[in-house]
Amino acid sequence: MIKLISFDFDGTLADSVDFCLEVFDIIFKKYMKEKAPSREDIFGCFGMNEEGVLRHFMGKDYKEEYMKEFAEYHKELHGKKCPDVFPHIRELLDFLKEKGVILTILTGRSAMTANISLEYLKIKDYFSFVQTGTSKTNDKSFLLKELMEKYSLTEKEVLYIGDGVSDVTSSRKANIECLSAAWAKSARMEALKEINSSLLFTSVKEMQNFLAEQFLK
């Protein structure tokens, strides 16, 4: 029986991947000019928090105020670039809460930007715990293990839901099933099909029906 489901944020709960990439673009182009990394290169670092991504590309030129500036742009652009969660996400969260499932977030985001988004989108109250990322790695496996310890749960009692290939590999390292959310336009569909085809979902409703039939009877 599944007792806890942890969600990734960007590309899973909200259509925010391009939004985040746009904020990175602003900072990198402002301070690195023509040396600014491509969006594809930035996306490859997702899972690491924003400070980690900035440090990765800026190296010794990174300054702490760049992260504060990143958060300011993130807050300023939220309403235009990411006004709401994906359709039917609230219904899914309501359904899981009614079933008594503990809901958490495990995101590569920093606490600063995660809190901005959760407050703006008014979904913070759904989640019992929010685990944010580190500046060192995009491997979430150790964070998933910490989550199991925190709630005294086994691998069979926990699910992770995310949109990235790294979400699948991290979950497997922690011996946890990962449901792949592929409803965002940013989803790497072919890569997800290759690594997790049997647990790949192209709509929130499809995933909710699967959870109801397979895990939450």
C-alpha atoms as a PDB file:
ATOM      1  CA  MET A   1       0.000   0.000   0.000  1.00  0.00           C
ATOM      2  CA  ILE A   2       1.365   3.408  -0.952  1.00  0.00           C
ATOM      3  CA  LYS A   3       1.501   5.736   2.043  1.00  0.00           C
ATOM      4  CA  LEU A   4       3.551   8.619   0.650  1.00  0.00           C
ATOM      5  CA  ILE A   5       3.893  10.197  -2.774  1.00  0.00           C
ATOM      6  CA  SER A   6       6.579  12.771  -3.428  1.00  0.00           C
ATOM      7  CA  PHE A   7       6.373  15.138  -6.386  1.00  0.00           C
ATOM      8  CA  ASP A   8       8.961  16.912  -8.465  1.00  0.00           C
ATOM      9  CA  PHE A   9       7.927  20.502  -9.169  1.00  0.00           C
ATOM     10  CA  ASP A  10       8.985  21.866 -12.556  1.00  0.00           C
ATOM     11  CA  GLY A  11       7.280  20.093 -15.440  1.00  0.00           C
ATOM     12  CA  THR A  12       5.298  17.933 -13.016  1.00  0.00           C
ATOM     13  CA  LEU A  13       3.111  20.175 -10.868  1.00  0.00           C
ATOM     14  CA  ALA A  14       3.454  23.285 -13.031  1.00  0.00           C
ATOM     15  CA  ASP A  15       4.498  24.152 -16.568  1.00  0.00           C
ATOM     16  CA  SER A  16       7.517  26.013 -15.268  1.00  0.00           C
ATOM     17  CA  VAL A  17      10.544  24.554 -17.045  1.00  0.00           C
ATOM     18  CA  ASP A  18      10.697  27.228 -19.766  1.00  0.00           C
ATOM     19  CA  PHE A  19       9.948  29.855 -17.128  1.00  0.00           C
ATOM     20  CA  CYS A  20      12.969  28.770 -15.068  1.00  0.00           C
ATOM     21  CA  LEU A  21      15.148  28.585 -18.173  1.00  0.00           C
ATOM     22  CA  GLU A  22      14.123  32.110 -19.121  1.00  0.00           C
ATOM     23  CA  VAL A  23      15.216  33.458 -15.730  1.00  0.00           C
ATOM     24  CA  PHE A  24      18.553  31.655 -16.100  1.00  0.00           C
ATOM     25  CA  ASP A  25      18.872  33.222 -19.573  1.00  0.00           C
ATOM     26  CA  ILE A  26      18.418  36.700 -18.105  1.00  0.00           C
ATOM     27  CA  ILE A  27      21.130  36.222 -15.490  1.00  0.00           C
ATOM     28  CA  PHE A  28      23.610  34.423 -17.722  1.00  0.00           C
ATOM     29  CA  LYS A  29      23.258  36.843 -20.638  1.00  0.00           C
ATOM     30  CA  LYS A  30      23.557  39.814 -18.308  1.00  0.00           C
ATOM     31  CA  TYR A  31      26.793  38.645 -16.693  1.00  0.00           C
ATOM     32  CA  MET A  32      28.346  36.194 -19.162  1.00  0.00           C
ATOM     33  CA  LYS A  33      27.361  37.915 -22.425  1.00  0.00           C
ATOM     34  CA  GLU A  34      28.287  35.730 -25.414  1.00  0.00           C
ATOM     35  CA  LYS A  35      29.632  33.029 -23.089  1.00  0.00           C
ATOM     36  CA  ALA A  36      26.151  32.329 -21.713  1.00  0.00           C
ATOM     37  CA  PRO A  37      25.273  28.598 -21.832  1.00  0.00           C
ATOM     38  CA  SER A  38      22.517  27.218 -24.039  1.00  0.00           C
ATOM     39  CA  ARG A  39      19.145  26.249 -22.605  1.00  0.00           C
ATOM     40  CA  GLU A  40      19.911  22.615 -23.352  1.00  0.00           C
ATOM     41  CA  ASP A  41      23.097  22.813 -21.283  1.00  0.00           C
ATOM     42  CA  ILE A  42      21.232  24.542 -18.447  1.00  0.00           C
ATOM     43  CA  PHE A  43      18.453  21.938 -18.572  1.00  0.00           C
ATOM     44  CA  GLY A  44      21.069  19.220 -18.218  1.00  0.00           C
ATOM     45  CA  CYS A  45      21.909  20.596 -14.782  1.00  0.00           C
ATOM     46  CA  PHE A  46      18.308  20.573 -13.530  1.00  0.00           C
ATOM     47  CA  GLY A  47      18.032  18.651 -10.273  1.00  0.00           C
ATOM     48  CA  MET A  48      20.828  20.818  -8.877  1.00  0.00           C
ATOM     49  CA  ASN A  49      19.469  23.988  -7.258  1.00  0.00           C
ATOM     50  CA  GLU A  50      19.732  27.381  -8.934  1.00  0.00           C
ATOM     51  CA  GLU A  51      22.829  28.404  -7.028  1.00  0.00           C
ATOM     52  CA  GLY A  52      24.520  25.202  -8.132  1.00  0.00           C
ATOM     53  CA  VAL A  53      23.607  25.828 -11.783  1.00  0.00           C
ATOM     54  CA  LEU A  54      24.853  29.417 -11.618  1.00  0.00           C
ATOM     55  CA  ARG A  55      28.105  28.323  -9.964  1.00  0.00           C
ATOM     56  CA  HIS A  56      28.528  25.486 -12.481  1.00  0.00           C
ATOM     57  CA  PHE A  57      28.623  27.863 -15.437  1.00  0.00           C
ATOM     58  CA  MET A  58      30.040  31.007 -13.804  1.00  0.00           C
ATOM     59  CA  GLY A  59      32.765  29.377 -11.751  1.00  0.00           C
ATOM     60  CA  LYS A  60      34.869  31.843  -9.779  1.00  0.00           C
ATOM     61  CA  ASP A  61      32.887  34.755 -11.258  1.00  0.00           C
ATOM     62  CA  TYR A  62      29.749  33.738  -9.364  1.00  0.00           C
ATOM     63  CA  LYS A  63      28.555  36.188  -6.693  1.00  0.00           C
ATOM     64  CA  GLU A  64      25.929  35.596  -4.010  1.00  0.00           C
ATOM     65  CA  GLU A  65      23.865  38.558  -5.173  1.00  0.00           C
ATOM     66  CA  TYR A  66      23.217  36.742  -8.468  1.00  0.00           C
ATOM     67  CA  MET A  67      21.029  34.233  -6.647  1.00  0.00           C
ATOM     68  CA  LYS A  68      19.075  37.041  -4.975  1.00  0.00           C
ATOM     69  CA  GLU A  69      18.618  38.662  -8.371  1.00  0.00           C
ATOM     70  CA  PHE A  70      17.490  35.322  -9.816  1.00  0.00           C
ATOM     71  CA  ALA A  71      14.795  35.059  -7.114  1.00  0.00           C
ATOM     72  CA  GLU A  72      13.636  38.630  -7.775  1.00  0.00           C
ATOM     73  CA  TYR A  73      13.152  37.937 -11.494  1.00  0.00           C
ATOM     74  CA  HIS A  74      11.464  34.643 -10.626  1.00  0.00           C
ATOM     75  CA  LYS A  75       8.929  36.408  -8.433  1.00  0.00           C
ATOM     76  CA  GLU A  76       8.408  39.262 -10.883  1.00  0.00           C
ATOM     77  CA  LEU A  77       7.739  37.015 -13.900  1.00  0.00           C
ATOM     78  CA  HIS A  78       5.703  34.287 -12.177  1.00  0.00           C
ATOM     79  CA  GLY A  79       2.263  35.650 -13.011  1.00  0.00           C
ATOM     80  CA  LYS A  80       3.087  36.012 -16.695  1.00  0.00           C
ATOM     81  CA  LYS A  81       5.165  32.885 -17.231  1.00  0.00           C
ATOM     82  CA  CYS A  82       3.634  30.393 -14.785  1.00  0.00           C
ATOM     83  CA  PRO A  83       0.184  31.565 -13.652  1.00  0.00           C
ATOM     84  CA  ASP A  84      -1.161  28.220 -12.419  1.00  0.00           C
ATOM     85  CA  VAL A  85      -0.469  24.531 -11.937  1.00  0.00           C
ATOM     86  CA  PHE A  86      -1.223  22.061 -14.734  1.00  0.00           C
ATOM     87  CA  PRO A  87      -4.916  21.314 -15.376  1.00  0.00           C
ATOM     88  CA  HIS A  88      -6.280  18.604 -13.021  1.00  0.00           C
ATOM     89  CA  ILE A  89      -3.295  18.760 -10.653  1.00  0.00           C
ATOM     90  CA  ARG A  90      -5.463  20.132  -7.850  1.00  0.00           C
ATOM     91  CA  GLU A  91      -7.976  17.327  -8.443  1.00  0.00           C
ATOM     92  CA  LEU A  92      -5.155  14.773  -8.237  1.00  0.00           C
ATOM     93  CA  LEU A  93      -3.845  16.269  -5.007  1.00  0.00           C
ATOM     94  CA  ASP A  94      -7.363  16.377  -3.532  1.00  0.00           C
ATOM     95  CA  PHE A  95      -7.903  12.729  -4.511  1.00  0.00           C
ATOM     96  CA  LEU A  96      -4.641  11.624  -2.875  1.00  0.00           C
ATOM     97  CA  LYS A  97      -5.352  13.589   0.287  1.00  0.00           C
ATOM     98  CA  GLU A  98      -8.807  11.982   0.509  1.00  0.00           C
ATOM     99  CA  LYS A  99      -7.101   8.580   0.285  1.00  0.00           C
ATOM    100  CA  GLY A 100      -4.913   9.499   3.244  1.00  0.00           C
ATOM    101  CA  VAL A 101      -1.660   9.615   1.266  1.00  0.00           C
ATOM    102  CA  ILE A 102       1.103  11.793   2.684  1.00  0.00           C
ATOM    103  CA  LEU A 103       2.132  14.304   0.011  1.00  0.00           C
ATOM    104  CA  THR A 104       5.581  15.867  -0.186  1.00  0.00           C
ATOM    105  CA  ILE A 105       7.677  17.731  -2.721  1.00  0.00           C
ATOM    106  CA  LEU A 106      11.226  16.781  -3.620  1.00  0.00           C
ATOM    107  CA  THR A 107      12.587  19.342  -6.049  1.00  0.00           C
ATOM    108  CA  GLY A 108      15.969  20.438  -7.252  1.00  0.00           C
ATOM    109  CA  ARG A 109      14.839  24.026  -6.700  1.00  0.00           C
ATOM    110  CA  SER A 110      16.246  26.210  -3.938  1.00  0.00           C
ATOM    111  CA  ALA A 111      14.070  26.842  -0.889  1.00  0.00           C
ATOM    112  CA  MET A 112      13.843  30.485  -1.974  1.00  0.00           C
ATOM    113  CA  THR A 113      12.231  29.909  -5.370  1.00  0.00           C
ATOM    114  CA  ALA A 114      10.240  26.860  -4.245  1.00  0.00           C
ATOM    115  CA  ASN A 115       8.542  28.973  -1.566  1.00  0.00           C
ATOM    116  CA  ILE A 116       7.828  31.753  -4.062  1.00  0.00           C
ATOM    117  CA  SER A 117       6.095  29.290  -6.403  1.00  0.00           C
ATOM    118  CA  LEU A 118       4.185  27.392  -3.728  1.00  0.00           C
ATOM    119  CA  GLU A 119       2.856  30.632  -2.278  1.00  0.00           C
ATOM    120  CA  TYR A 120       2.005  32.120  -5.674  1.00  0.00           C
ATOM    121  CA  LEU A 121       0.219  28.984  -6.899  1.00  0.00           C
ATOM    122  CA  LYS A 122      -1.530  28.473  -3.533  1.00  0.00           C
ATOM    123  CA  ILE A 123      -0.685  24.772  -3.209  1.00  0.00           C
ATOM    124  CA  LYS A 124       1.632  24.818  -0.195  1.00  0.00           C
ATOM    125  CA  ASP A 125      -1.038  23.469   2.175  1.00  0.00           C
ATOM    126  CA  TYR A 126      -1.306  20.206   0.247  1.00  0.00           C
ATOM    127  CA  PHE A 127       2.192  19.149   1.233  1.00  0.00           C
ATOM    128  CA  SER A 128       3.444  17.901   4.581  1.00  0.00           C
ATOM    129  CA  PHE A 129       7.081  18.479   3.714  1.00  0.00           C
ATOM    130  CA  VAL A 130       9.099  20.234   1.009  1.00  0.00           C
ATOM    131  CA  GLN A 131      12.635  18.999   0.343  1.00  0.00           C
ATOM    132  CA  THR A 132      14.661  21.330  -1.854  1.00  0.00           C
ATOM    133  CA  GLY A 133      17.835  20.611  -3.793  1.00  0.00           C
ATOM    134  CA  THR A 134      21.520  21.106  -3.208  1.00  0.00           C
ATOM    135  CA  SER A 135      24.151  23.014  -5.153  1.00  0.00           C
ATOM    136  CA  LYS A 136      26.323  19.908  -5.478  1.00  0.00           C
ATOM    137  CA  THR A 137      24.389  17.238  -7.375  1.00  0.00           C
ATOM    138  CA  ASN A 138      21.228  16.475  -9.358  1.00  0.00           C
ATOM    139  CA  ASP A 139      21.007  12.966  -7.864  1.00  0.00           C
ATOM    140  CA  LYS A 140      17.871  12.807  -5.697  1.00  0.00           C
ATOM    141  CA  SER A 141      18.384   9.223  -4.513  1.00  0.00           C
ATOM    142  CA  PHE A 142      19.868  10.160  -1.148  1.00  0.00           C
ATOM    143  CA  LEU A 143      17.068  12.682  -0.583  1.00  0.00           C
ATOM    144  CA  LEU A 144      14.502   9.955  -1.275  1.00  0.00           C
ATOM    145  CA  LYS A 145      16.234   7.713   1.252  1.00  0.00           C
ATOM    146  CA  GLU A 146      16.147  10.538   3.807  1.00  0.00           C
ATOM    147  CA  LEU A 147      12.430  10.922   3.114  1.00  0.00           C
ATOM    148  CA  MET A 148      11.804   7.244   3.854  1.00  0.00           C
ATOM    149  CA  GLU A 149      13.737   7.568   7.097  1.00  0.00           C
ATOM    150  CA  LYS A 150      11.857  10.693   8.095  1.00  0.00           C
ATOM    151  CA  TYR A 151       8.481   8.942   7.775  1.00  0.00           C
ATOM    152  CA  SER A 152       9.678   5.422   8.744  1.00  0.00           C
ATOM    153  CA  LEU A 153       8.497   3.947   5.454  1.00  0.00           C
ATOM    154  CA  THR A 154       9.780   1.188   3.185  1.00  0.00           C
ATOM    155  CA  GLU A 155      10.538   1.469  -0.523  1.00  0.00           C
ATOM    156  CA  LYS A 156       7.228  -0.235  -1.359  1.00  0.00           C
ATOM    157  CA  GLU A 157       5.268   2.405   0.534  1.00  0.00           C
ATOM    158  CA  VAL A 158       6.676   5.387  -1.395  1.00  0.00           C
ATOM    159  CA  LEU A 159       6.270   6.649  -4.962  1.00  0.00           C
ATOM    160  CA  TYR A 160       8.047   9.483  -6.722  1.00  0.00           C
ATOM    161  CA  ILE A 161       6.469  11.456  -9.578  1.00  0.00           C
ATOM    162  CA  GLY A 162       8.714  13.479 -11.873  1.00  0.00           C
ATOM    163  CA  ASP A 163       9.200  14.501 -15.470  1.00  0.00           C
ATOM    164  CA  GLY A 164      12.926  13.885 -15.892  1.00  0.00           C
ATOM    165  CA  VAL A 165      15.069  10.926 -16.855  1.00  0.00           C
ATOM    166  CA  SER A 166      17.184  11.733 -13.789  1.00  0.00           C
ATOM    167  CA  ASP A 167      14.045  11.340 -11.650  1.00  0.00           C
ATOM    168  CA  VAL A 168      13.742   7.753 -12.869  1.00  0.00           C
ATOM    169  CA  THR A 169      17.412   6.914 -12.317  1.00  0.00           C
ATOM    170  CA  SER A 170      17.464   8.543  -8.865  1.00  0.00           C
ATOM    171  CA  SER A 171      14.313   6.692  -7.814  1.00  0.00           C
ATOM    172  CA  ARG A 172      15.725   3.375  -8.967  1.00  0.00           C
ATOM    173  CA  LYS A 173      18.910   3.971  -6.993  1.00  0.00           C
ATOM    174  CA  ALA A 174      16.673   4.395  -3.938  1.00  0.00           C
ATOM    175  CA  ASN A 175      14.616   1.277  -4.931  1.00  0.00           C
ATOM    176  CA  ILE A 176      11.482   3.380  -5.334  1.00  0.00           C
ATOM    177  CA  GLU A 177       9.029   3.274  -8.252  1.00  0.00           C
ATOM    178  CA  CYS A 178       8.948   6.463 -10.329  1.00  0.00           C
ATOM    179  CA  LEU A 179       5.881   7.509 -12.310  1.00  0.00           C
ATOM    180  CA  SER A 180       6.982   9.650 -15.243  1.00  0.00           C
ATOM    181  CA  ALA A 181       4.924  12.786 -15.832  1.00  0.00           C
ATOM    182  CA  ALA A 182       5.048  13.534 -19.560  1.00  0.00           C
ATOM    183  CA  TRP A 183       2.248  16.077 -19.855  1.00  0.00           C
ATOM    184  CA  ALA A 184       4.487  19.153 -20.181  1.00  0.00           C
ATOM    185  CA  LYS A 185       5.641  20.413 -23.570  1.00  0.00           C
ATOM    186  CA  SER A 186       9.157  20.304 -22.122  1.00  0.00           C
ATOM    187  CA  ALA A 187       8.986  16.533 -21.427  1.00  0.00           C
ATOM    188  CA  ARG A 188      11.755  14.496 -23.077  1.00  0.00           C
ATOM    189  CA  MET A 189       9.254  11.971 -24.401  1.00  0.00           C
ATOM    190  CA  GLU A 190      11.556   9.655 -26.338  1.00  0.00           C
ATOM    191  CA  ALA A 191      14.097   9.450 -23.521  1.00  0.00           C
ATOM    192  CA  LEU A 192      11.332   8.745 -20.990  1.00  0.00           C
ATOM    193  CA  LYS A 193       9.845   6.061 -23.242  1.00  0.00           C
ATOM    194  CA  GLU A 194      13.217   4.402 -23.475  1.00  0.00           C
ATOM    195  CA  ILE A 195      13.844   4.309 -19.741  1.00  0.00           C
ATOM    196  CA  ASN A 196      10.348   4.077 -18.182  1.00  0.00           C
ATOM    197  CA  SER A 197       7.745   3.214 -20.823  1.00  0.00           C
ATOM    198  CA  SER A 198       5.536   1.118 -18.543  1.00  0.00           C
ATOM    199  CA  LEU A 199       5.118   3.960 -16.043  1.00  0.00           C
ATOM    200  CA  LEU A 200       4.847   6.892 -18.458  1.00  0.00           C
ATOM    201  CA  PHE A 201       1.757   9.105 -18.400  1.00  0.00           C
ATOM    202  CA  THR A 202       0.771  11.837 -20.838  1.00  0.00           C
ATOM    203  CA  SER A 203      -2.089  13.271 -18.786  1.00  0.00           C
ATOM    204  CA  VAL A 204      -2.763  13.909 -15.106  1.00  0.00           C
ATOM    205  CA  LYS A 205      -6.091  12.093 -15.342  1.00  0.00           C
ATOM    206  CA  GLU A 206      -4.405   9.009 -16.795  1.00  0.00           C
ATOM    207  CA  MET A 207      -2.003   8.913 -13.860  1.00  0.00           C
ATOM    208  CA  GLN A 208      -4.793   9.432 -11.332  1.00  0.00           C
ATOM    209  CA  ASN A 209      -6.734   6.497 -12.786  1.00  0.00           C
ATOM    210  CA  PHE A 210      -3.612   4.324 -12.665  1.00  0.00           C
ATOM    211  CA  LEU A 211      -2.977   5.214  -9.027  1.00  0.00           C
ATOM    212  CA  ALA A 212      -6.605   4.469  -8.131  1.00  0.00           C
ATOM    213  CA  GLU A 213      -6.481   1.062  -9.833  1.00  0.00           C
ATOM    214  CA  GLN A 214      -2.981  -0.107  -8.937  1.00  0.00           C
ATOM    215  CA  PHE A 215      -1.954   1.418  -5.625  1.00  0.00           C
ATOM    216  CA  LEU A 216      -4.908   2.951  -3.802  1.00  0.00           C
ATOM    217  CA  LYS A 217      -7.733   0.415  -3.920  1.00  0.00           C
END
